[in-house]
Amino acid sequence: MNPIIFILIALVLICAMLCIIFVIAWRSFGRQQYALTWATLFGAGTIQWLMNIFSRDLFDDRRYFWLLADLLGLVVMTLGLAGYRQRAGLPTRTGLLVAIAGVAWGLIFCFLFLYPHHGLRQAVVPFYAPIALGWAALILLRKREPVLPAEWGAATVMILFSLSQILAGSAALMQGAESEDYWRGVYLAINFSALPAAYAGTGLFAVFILASDLSEQMKQLARTDQLTQLLNRRGFAEAAAYALGKARRLSQPLSVVLVDIDHFKRINDQYGHAAGDQVLTAFATHLGTQKRQQDLLARIGGEEFVLVLDGIEAAQAGETAEGLRQGLRQLELQVDGQALTLTASFGVAALLGSDSDLYDTIKRADSALYQAKQAGRDRSVVAE
């Protein structure tokens, strides 16, 4: 029996198992679109390699077998690329991907039926691999900092398989218009040596990537206030430690603005907790208007928020707080059909060299906030 049959059987089993794994992952872990795309990829791979096993029984004209088998090969690699684009939050660009794969399939059709050339036809899919897989590897390595170990692994497998496919495509071209036995043997040796490892490697690393994404989502949920989608107290503690370290390392100023909504309990008592949630969400959005990418904004208590301004001295932070306070007058909020005017008190403090951590700064901001409350609320106070 031809030993290639055993490789084809292994490929069928690998693809079928990975297809099932990704279907289960899609159903169990938030129905991520890229997981379903990868399940479809391995489903197409299962059909492709099954068809290779039974090709002589299914096709009287081998040209139609190669036309369909090569199409499935193009589909597998294109779906892999589409899945990594979806995972990275990039537009899938379905039209572009289909167009590129369509051009490749058109070339295969030409070299099968219009201008028969065995070597050129056989080289199309191997030379398509570096385009699709190289693009996917680039997305993996450039989209996130730091790159996860599973992403490094998947990208490495893709790059190595792409290199093997360049060699396989070159061997295919050497066959010429008619299949030359020597170069056909070289092509088969390269291709079927690399394929099982490539499918198993990319599939397993994709599973690890999915698990890493799920772990990151769980961590993000633990760090996030579910009502306002801001950092919660735990998330703020982690981010604040990093912000403090950065400020110390670069000798940059850092300021803290502590904010408390005035008479929030009265709003809850008069309008209900649903209205209170609406107020908190609107207030968080308002605070976010002054937040830069490098700043921190968190909800650390019921109606208490904290804004950490990176590279900002106390005086400028006080201006920011005052701008936010005055901006509340323009905040249009309807509760039970009634217009509701919000006010808030702000306490501001800058990081000092004597502060052991950012919570020392927050304590002074809290004292300033207390002064603002004692002075009648609806005002901002900068700590001395």
Protein backbone atom coordinates (compact mmCIF):
# COMPACT_ATOMS: atom_id res chain seq x y z
CA MET A 1 0.00 0.00 0.00
CA ASN A 2 1.18 3.50 -0.84
CA PRO A 3 2.57 5.09 2.40
CA ILE A 4 0.98 8.40 1.41
CA ILE A 5 -2.40 6.81 2.23
CA PHE A 6 -1.39 6.62 5.90
CA ILE A 7 -0.41 10.29 5.86
CA LEU A 8 -3.78 11.16 4.30
CA ILE A 9 -5.62 9.15 6.97
CA ALA A 10 -3.65 10.99 9.67
CA LEU A 11 -4.58 14.32 8.07
CA VAL A 12 -8.26 13.36 8.01
CA LEU A 13 -8.19 12.42 11.70
CA ILE A 14 -6.25 15.55 12.72
CA CYS A 15 -8.63 17.86 10.82
CA ALA A 16 -11.77 16.09 12.04
CA MET A 17 -10.69 16.25 15.70
CA LEU A 18 -9.71 19.91 15.43
CA CYS A 19 -13.01 20.72 13.71
CA ILE A 20 -14.91 19.13 16.61
CA ILE A 21 -12.71 20.90 19.18
CA PHE A 22 -13.36 24.32 17.65
CA VAL A 23 -17.10 23.71 17.32
CA ILE A 24 -17.20 22.83 21.04
CA ALA A 25 -15.04 25.88 21.85
CA TRP A 26 -17.33 28.12 19.79
CA ARG A 27 -20.44 26.84 21.56
CA SER A 28 -18.91 26.86 25.06
CA PHE A 29 -16.76 29.99 25.16
CA GLY A 30 -18.82 32.93 24.05
CA ARG A 31 -19.43 31.93 20.41
CA GLN A 32 -16.37 33.76 19.14
CA GLN A 33 -16.63 34.20 15.37
CA TYR A 34 -13.00 33.27 14.76
CA ALA A 35 -13.48 29.92 16.57
CA LEU A 36 -16.34 29.09 14.19
CA THR A 37 -14.21 30.17 11.22
CA TRP A 38 -11.41 27.86 12.33
CA ALA A 39 -13.91 25.02 12.85
CA THR A 40 -15.03 25.53 9.24
CA LEU A 41 -11.37 25.55 8.15
CA PHE A 42 -10.70 22.13 9.65
CA GLY A 43 -14.03 20.84 8.36
CA ALA A 44 -12.96 21.82 4.84
CA GLY A 45 -9.60 20.15 5.49
CA THR A 46 -11.34 16.93 6.52
CA ILE A 47 -13.29 16.88 3.25
CA GLN A 48 -10.16 17.72 1.25
CA TRP A 49 -8.11 14.82 2.60
CA LEU A 50 -11.01 12.34 2.49
CA MET A 51 -11.45 13.25 -1.14
CA ASN A 52 -7.75 12.59 -1.74
CA ILE A 53 -8.13 9.07 -0.31
CA PHE A 54 -11.13 8.19 -2.49
CA SER A 55 -10.24 10.31 -5.53
CA ARG A 56 -9.91 7.39 -7.94
CA ASP A 57 -13.36 6.11 -7.01
CA LEU A 58 -15.01 9.52 -7.14
CA PHE A 59 -13.54 11.06 -10.30
CA ASP A 60 -13.16 9.53 -13.75
CA ASP A 61 -11.45 12.68 -14.99
CA ARG A 62 -8.58 13.59 -12.65
CA ARG A 63 -8.71 17.19 -13.76
CA TYR A 64 -11.99 17.71 -11.89
CA PHE A 65 -10.52 16.14 -8.79
CA TRP A 66 -7.56 18.53 -8.85
CA LEU A 67 -9.85 21.49 -9.51
CA LEU A 68 -11.92 20.69 -6.41
CA ALA A 69 -9.02 19.53 -4.20
CA ASP A 70 -7.01 22.67 -4.94
CA LEU A 71 -10.08 24.80 -4.25
CA LEU A 72 -10.40 23.23 -0.80
CA GLY A 73 -6.70 23.86 -0.17
CA LEU A 74 -7.21 27.54 -1.00
CA VAL A 75 -10.33 27.67 1.19
CA VAL A 76 -8.47 26.18 4.17
CA MET A 77 -5.68 28.77 4.08
CA THR A 78 -8.05 31.67 3.36
CA LEU A 79 -10.27 30.73 6.31
CA GLY A 80 -7.21 30.57 8.54
CA LEU A 81 -6.28 34.12 7.55
CA ALA A 82 -9.88 35.32 7.95
CA GLY A 83 -10.03 33.84 11.46
CA TYR A 84 -6.88 35.64 12.58
CA ARG A 85 -8.22 38.91 11.16
CA GLN A 86 -11.47 38.42 13.09
CA ARG A 87 -9.59 37.65 16.29
CA ALA A 88 -7.47 40.79 15.92
CA GLY A 89 -10.60 42.92 15.51
CA LEU A 90 -9.72 43.74 11.90
CA PRO A 91 -12.31 43.84 9.11
CA THR A 92 -12.50 40.38 7.57
CA ARG A 93 -12.22 41.90 4.07
CA THR A 94 -14.15 38.95 2.66
CA GLY A 95 -14.29 40.43 -0.83
CA LEU A 96 -10.52 40.91 -1.00
CA LEU A 97 -9.75 37.45 0.38
CA VAL A 98 -12.20 35.79 -2.00
CA ALA A 99 -10.76 37.78 -4.90
CA ILE A 100 -7.18 36.70 -4.13
CA ALA A 101 -8.19 33.06 -3.72
CA GLY A 102 -10.36 33.37 -6.84
CA VAL A 103 -7.39 34.53 -8.92
CA ALA A 104 -5.40 31.53 -7.69
CA TRP A 105 -8.25 29.15 -8.53
CA GLY A 106 -8.63 30.78 -11.93
CA LEU A 107 -4.97 30.05 -12.65
CA ILE A 108 -5.51 26.42 -11.63
CA PHE A 109 -8.48 26.21 -14.01
CA CYS A 110 -6.39 27.66 -16.85
CA PHE A 111 -3.51 25.23 -16.27
CA LEU A 112 -5.94 22.29 -16.12
CA PHE A 113 -8.28 23.00 -19.03
CA LEU A 114 -7.16 25.93 -21.20
CA TYR A 115 -3.36 25.75 -21.22
CA PRO A 116 -2.55 22.38 -19.62
CA HIS A 117 0.67 22.56 -17.62
CA HIS A 118 1.15 20.12 -14.75
CA GLY A 119 3.96 21.99 -13.00
CA LEU A 120 2.28 25.40 -13.04
CA ARG A 121 -1.02 23.95 -11.84
CA GLN A 122 0.62 22.07 -9.00
CA ALA A 123 2.64 25.13 -7.91
CA VAL A 124 -0.33 27.49 -7.40
CA VAL A 125 -1.50 26.23 -3.98
CA PRO A 126 2.02 25.94 -2.49
CA PHE A 127 2.84 29.49 -3.59
CA TYR A 128 -0.50 30.72 -2.22
CA ALA A 129 0.47 29.42 1.25
CA PRO A 130 3.17 32.05 1.99
CA ILE A 131 0.71 34.80 1.04
CA ALA A 132 -2.13 33.64 3.32
CA LEU A 133 -0.06 32.20 6.16
CA GLY A 134 2.58 34.93 6.09
CA TRP A 135 -0.18 37.53 6.31
CA ALA A 136 -1.75 35.67 9.26
CA ALA A 137 1.63 35.41 11.03
CA LEU A 138 2.19 39.15 10.55
CA ILE A 139 -1.19 39.88 12.16
CA LEU A 140 -0.29 37.66 15.12
CA LEU A 141 3.08 39.30 15.73
CA ARG A 142 2.09 42.93 15.18
CA LYS A 143 -1.38 43.30 16.66
CA ARG A 144 -0.64 42.80 20.36
CA GLU A 145 2.03 43.78 22.88
CA PRO A 146 3.39 41.61 24.32
CA VAL A 147 2.96 38.72 21.88
CA LEU A 148 1.65 35.63 23.68
CA PRO A 149 3.74 32.42 23.66
CA ALA A 150 0.94 30.63 21.79
CA GLU A 151 0.98 33.39 19.16
CA TRP A 152 4.73 33.02 18.72
CA GLY A 153 4.26 29.28 18.33
CA ALA A 154 1.48 29.59 15.75
CA ALA A 155 3.40 32.23 13.77
CA THR A 156 6.55 30.07 13.79
CA VAL A 157 4.65 27.04 12.45
CA MET A 158 3.08 29.19 9.73
CA ILE A 159 6.42 30.65 8.66
CA LEU A 160 8.15 27.24 8.60
CA PHE A 161 5.27 25.69 6.65
CA SER A 162 5.33 28.63 4.22
CA LEU A 163 9.04 28.00 3.60
CA SER A 164 8.35 24.31 2.97
CA GLN A 165 5.62 25.27 0.52
CA ILE A 166 7.97 27.56 -1.37
CA LEU A 167 10.29 24.57 -1.76
CA ALA A 168 7.36 22.34 -2.76
CA GLY A 169 6.14 24.90 -5.29
CA SER A 170 9.63 25.18 -6.76
CA ALA A 171 9.80 21.39 -7.12
CA ALA A 172 6.39 21.44 -8.79
CA LEU A 173 7.60 23.99 -11.34
CA MET A 174 10.61 21.83 -12.14
CA GLN A 175 8.25 19.10 -13.39
CA GLY A 176 7.42 21.14 -16.46
CA ALA A 177 4.29 20.74 -18.52
CA GLU A 178 4.33 16.97 -18.09
CA SER A 179 4.87 15.33 -14.73
CA GLU A 180 8.53 14.34 -14.37
CA ASP A 181 8.95 11.46 -11.93
CA TYR A 182 12.02 12.76 -10.11
CA TRP A 183 10.66 16.22 -9.37
CA ARG A 184 7.22 14.77 -8.64
CA GLY A 185 8.87 12.61 -5.97
CA VAL A 186 10.66 15.64 -4.52
CA TYR A 187 7.38 17.58 -4.45
CA LEU A 188 5.52 14.75 -2.69
CA ALA A 189 8.34 14.21 -0.18
CA ILE A 190 8.42 17.89 0.82
CA ASN A 191 4.66 18.32 0.87
CA PHE A 192 3.66 15.23 2.78
CA SER A 193 6.52 15.57 5.25
CA ALA A 194 5.33 19.06 6.22
CA LEU A 195 1.53 18.76 6.03
CA PRO A 196 0.77 16.65 9.15
CA ALA A 197 3.05 18.75 11.36
CA ALA A 198 1.63 21.97 9.90
CA TYR A 199 -2.01 21.00 10.50
CA ALA A 200 -1.34 19.63 13.98
CA GLY A 201 0.90 22.56 14.93
CA THR A 202 -1.35 25.35 13.71
CA GLY A 203 -4.41 23.62 15.17
CA LEU A 204 -2.92 23.05 18.61
CA PHE A 205 -1.48 26.53 18.85
CA ALA A 206 -4.85 27.94 17.75
CA VAL A 207 -6.44 26.02 20.64
CA PHE A 208 -3.85 27.53 23.01
CA ILE A 209 -4.59 30.98 21.58
CA LEU A 210 -8.30 30.46 22.19
CA ALA A 211 -7.58 29.39 25.78
CA SER A 212 -5.31 32.43 26.28
CA ASP A 213 -8.05 34.71 24.97
CA LEU A 214 -10.57 33.16 27.36
CA SER A 215 -8.16 33.60 30.27
CA GLU A 216 -7.63 37.25 29.33
CA GLN A 217 -11.39 37.81 29.13
CA MET A 218 -11.81 36.36 32.63
CA LYS A 219 -9.05 38.62 33.94
CA GLN A 220 -10.65 41.61 32.23
CA LEU A 221 -14.02 40.81 33.81
CA ALA A 222 -12.37 40.64 37.23
CA ARG A 223 -10.79 44.08 36.67
CA THR A 224 -13.85 45.83 35.21
CA ASP A 225 -16.91 47.44 36.78
CA GLN A 226 -19.77 45.80 34.91
CA LEU A 227 -22.10 48.82 35.10
CA THR A 228 -19.80 51.57 33.82
CA GLN A 229 -17.19 49.38 32.05
CA LEU A 230 -14.48 51.34 33.86
CA LEU A 231 -11.74 49.78 35.95
CA ASN A 232 -12.97 48.58 39.33
CA ARG A 233 -10.98 48.84 42.56
CA ARG A 234 -8.95 45.72 41.77
CA GLY A 235 -8.23 46.79 38.21
CA PHE A 236 -7.31 50.26 39.39
CA ALA A 237 -4.85 48.88 41.95
CA GLU A 238 -3.01 46.96 39.22
CA ALA A 239 -3.00 49.87 36.78
CA ALA A 240 -2.06 52.41 39.46
CA ALA A 241 1.04 50.43 40.43
CA TYR A 242 2.19 50.53 36.81
CA ALA A 243 1.41 54.27 36.49
CA LEU A 244 3.37 55.03 39.66
CA GLY A 245 6.36 53.00 38.48
CA LYS A 246 6.35 54.78 35.14
CA ALA A 247 6.16 58.24 36.76
CA ARG A 248 9.04 57.41 39.11
CA ARG A 249 11.15 55.90 36.34
CA LEU A 250 10.71 58.84 33.96
CA SER A 251 10.62 61.52 36.71
CA GLN A 252 7.26 62.72 35.41
CA PRO A 253 4.49 64.44 37.37
CA LEU A 254 1.32 62.53 38.19
CA SER A 255 -1.94 63.83 39.63
CA VAL A 256 -5.01 62.21 41.13
CA VAL A 257 -8.56 63.57 40.87
CA LEU A 258 -11.02 61.98 43.29
CA VAL A 259 -14.68 62.57 42.40
CA ASP A 260 -17.90 62.00 44.32
CA ILE A 261 -21.43 62.58 42.97
CA ASP A 262 -23.30 64.97 45.27
CA HIS A 263 -26.46 63.67 47.01
CA PHE A 264 -26.38 60.37 45.13
CA LYS A 265 -28.27 58.57 47.92
CA ARG A 266 -31.08 61.08 47.49
CA ILE A 267 -31.27 60.22 43.78
CA ASN A 268 -31.46 56.50 44.60
CA ASP A 269 -34.13 57.03 47.25
CA GLN A 270 -36.26 59.35 45.11
CA TYR A 271 -35.99 57.71 41.68
CA GLY A 272 -34.91 54.13 42.42
CA HIS A 273 -31.78 52.12 41.82
CA ALA A 274 -32.36 51.81 38.06
CA ALA A 275 -32.22 55.60 37.82
CA GLY A 276 -29.14 55.55 40.03
CA ASP A 277 -27.46 53.16 37.60
CA GLN A 278 -28.39 55.46 34.73
CA VAL A 279 -26.80 58.39 36.56
CA LEU A 280 -23.61 56.45 37.27
CA THR A 281 -23.28 55.40 33.63
CA ALA A 282 -23.85 58.93 32.33
CA PHE A 283 -21.43 60.36 34.89
CA ALA A 284 -18.73 57.84 33.96
CA THR A 285 -19.14 58.78 30.29
CA HIS A 286 -18.82 62.46 31.19
CA LEU A 287 -15.58 61.84 33.10
CA GLY A 288 -14.25 59.91 30.14
CA THR A 289 -14.43 63.03 27.95
CA GLN A 290 -11.30 64.37 29.68
CA LYS A 291 -9.43 61.07 29.82
CA ARG A 292 -6.46 60.67 27.51
CA GLN A 293 -5.22 57.26 26.42
CA GLN A 294 -2.41 57.29 29.00
CA ASP A 295 -4.70 58.30 31.90
CA LEU A 296 -6.59 55.99 34.27
CA LEU A 297 -10.28 56.24 35.10
CA ALA A 298 -11.94 53.92 37.61
CA ARG A 299 -15.03 53.52 39.74
CA ILE A 300 -13.70 52.65 43.18
CA GLY A 301 -16.88 52.96 45.24
CA GLY A 302 -20.63 53.36 44.92
CA GLU A 303 -20.60 56.92 43.56
CA GLU A 304 -16.87 57.55 43.88
CA PHE A 305 -14.53 57.73 40.89
CA VAL A 306 -10.82 58.37 40.47
CA LEU A 307 -8.97 59.89 37.52
CA VAL A 308 -5.18 59.58 37.35
CA LEU A 309 -3.62 62.14 35.02
CA ASP A 310 -0.26 61.12 33.60
CA GLY A 311 2.35 63.87 33.23
CA ILE A 312 0.06 66.52 34.76
CA GLU A 313 0.94 68.87 37.65
CA ALA A 314 -1.56 69.68 40.41
CA ALA A 315 -2.54 73.10 39.02
CA GLN A 316 -3.38 71.71 35.58
CA ALA A 317 -5.19 68.76 37.18
CA GLY A 318 -7.24 71.29 39.15
CA GLU A 319 -8.22 72.97 35.88
CA THR A 320 -9.25 69.61 34.47
CA ALA A 321 -11.37 68.91 37.55
CA GLU A 322 -12.99 72.33 37.35
CA GLY A 323 -13.76 71.82 33.67
CA LEU A 324 -15.43 68.50 34.45
CA ARG A 325 -17.42 70.08 37.28
CA GLN A 326 -18.69 72.92 35.14
CA GLY A 327 -19.37 70.56 32.24
CA LEU A 328 -21.94 68.74 34.36
CA ARG A 329 -24.24 71.74 33.88
CA GLN A 330 -24.50 70.86 30.20
CA LEU A 331 -25.15 67.18 30.91
CA GLU A 332 -28.74 66.49 29.88
CA LEU A 333 -30.11 63.61 31.91
CA GLN A 334 -33.74 62.46 31.84
CA VAL A 335 -35.00 60.26 34.68
CA ASP A 336 -38.67 59.18 34.61
CA GLY A 337 -39.36 61.98 32.15
CA GLN A 338 -37.83 64.60 34.42
CA ALA A 339 -34.67 66.58 33.79
CA LEU A 340 -32.07 65.84 36.43
CA THR A 341 -29.15 68.15 37.16
CA LEU A 342 -26.04 66.53 38.57
CA THR A 343 -23.32 68.13 40.64
CA ALA A 344 -20.13 66.59 41.97
CA SER A 345 -17.26 67.41 44.28
CA PHE A 346 -13.61 67.03 43.25
CA GLY A 347 -10.45 66.57 45.29
CA VAL A 348 -7.07 66.94 43.55
CA ALA A 349 -3.57 65.99 44.67
CA ALA A 350 -0.21 65.57 42.96
CA LEU A 351 2.28 62.77 43.52
CA LEU A 352 5.04 63.78 45.93
CA GLY A 353 8.52 62.38 46.23
CA SER A 354 7.71 61.29 49.78
CA ASP A 355 4.69 59.20 48.71
CA SER A 356 5.40 55.49 49.20
CA ASP A 357 2.65 54.55 46.74
CA LEU A 358 -0.20 56.15 44.86
CA TYR A 359 -2.56 55.59 47.76
CA ASP A 360 -0.66 58.25 49.72
CA THR A 361 -1.58 60.66 46.92
CA ILE A 362 -5.16 59.41 46.96
CA LYS A 363 -5.37 60.07 50.72
CA ARG A 364 -4.50 63.74 50.13
CA ALA A 365 -6.98 63.90 47.26
CA ASP A 366 -9.59 62.39 49.59
CA SER A 367 -8.85 65.09 52.18
CA ALA A 368 -9.30 67.73 49.48
CA LEU A 369 -12.57 66.07 48.45
CA TYR A 370 -13.73 66.18 52.08
CA GLN A 371 -12.97 69.91 52.15
CA ALA A 372 -15.04 70.38 48.99
CA LYS A 373 -17.96 68.54 50.61
CA GLN A 374 -17.66 70.54 53.83
CA ALA A 375 -17.58 73.80 51.89
CA GLY A 376 -20.97 73.09 50.35
CA ARG A 377 -20.31 70.54 47.58
CA ASP A 378 -20.28 71.25 43.82
CA ARG A 379 -16.70 72.50 43.86
CA SER A 380 -13.12 71.35 43.33
CA VAL A 381 -10.29 71.65 45.84
CA VAL A 382 -6.59 71.14 45.18
CA ALA A 383 -4.61 69.72 48.10
CA GLU A 384 -1.92 71.99 49.51
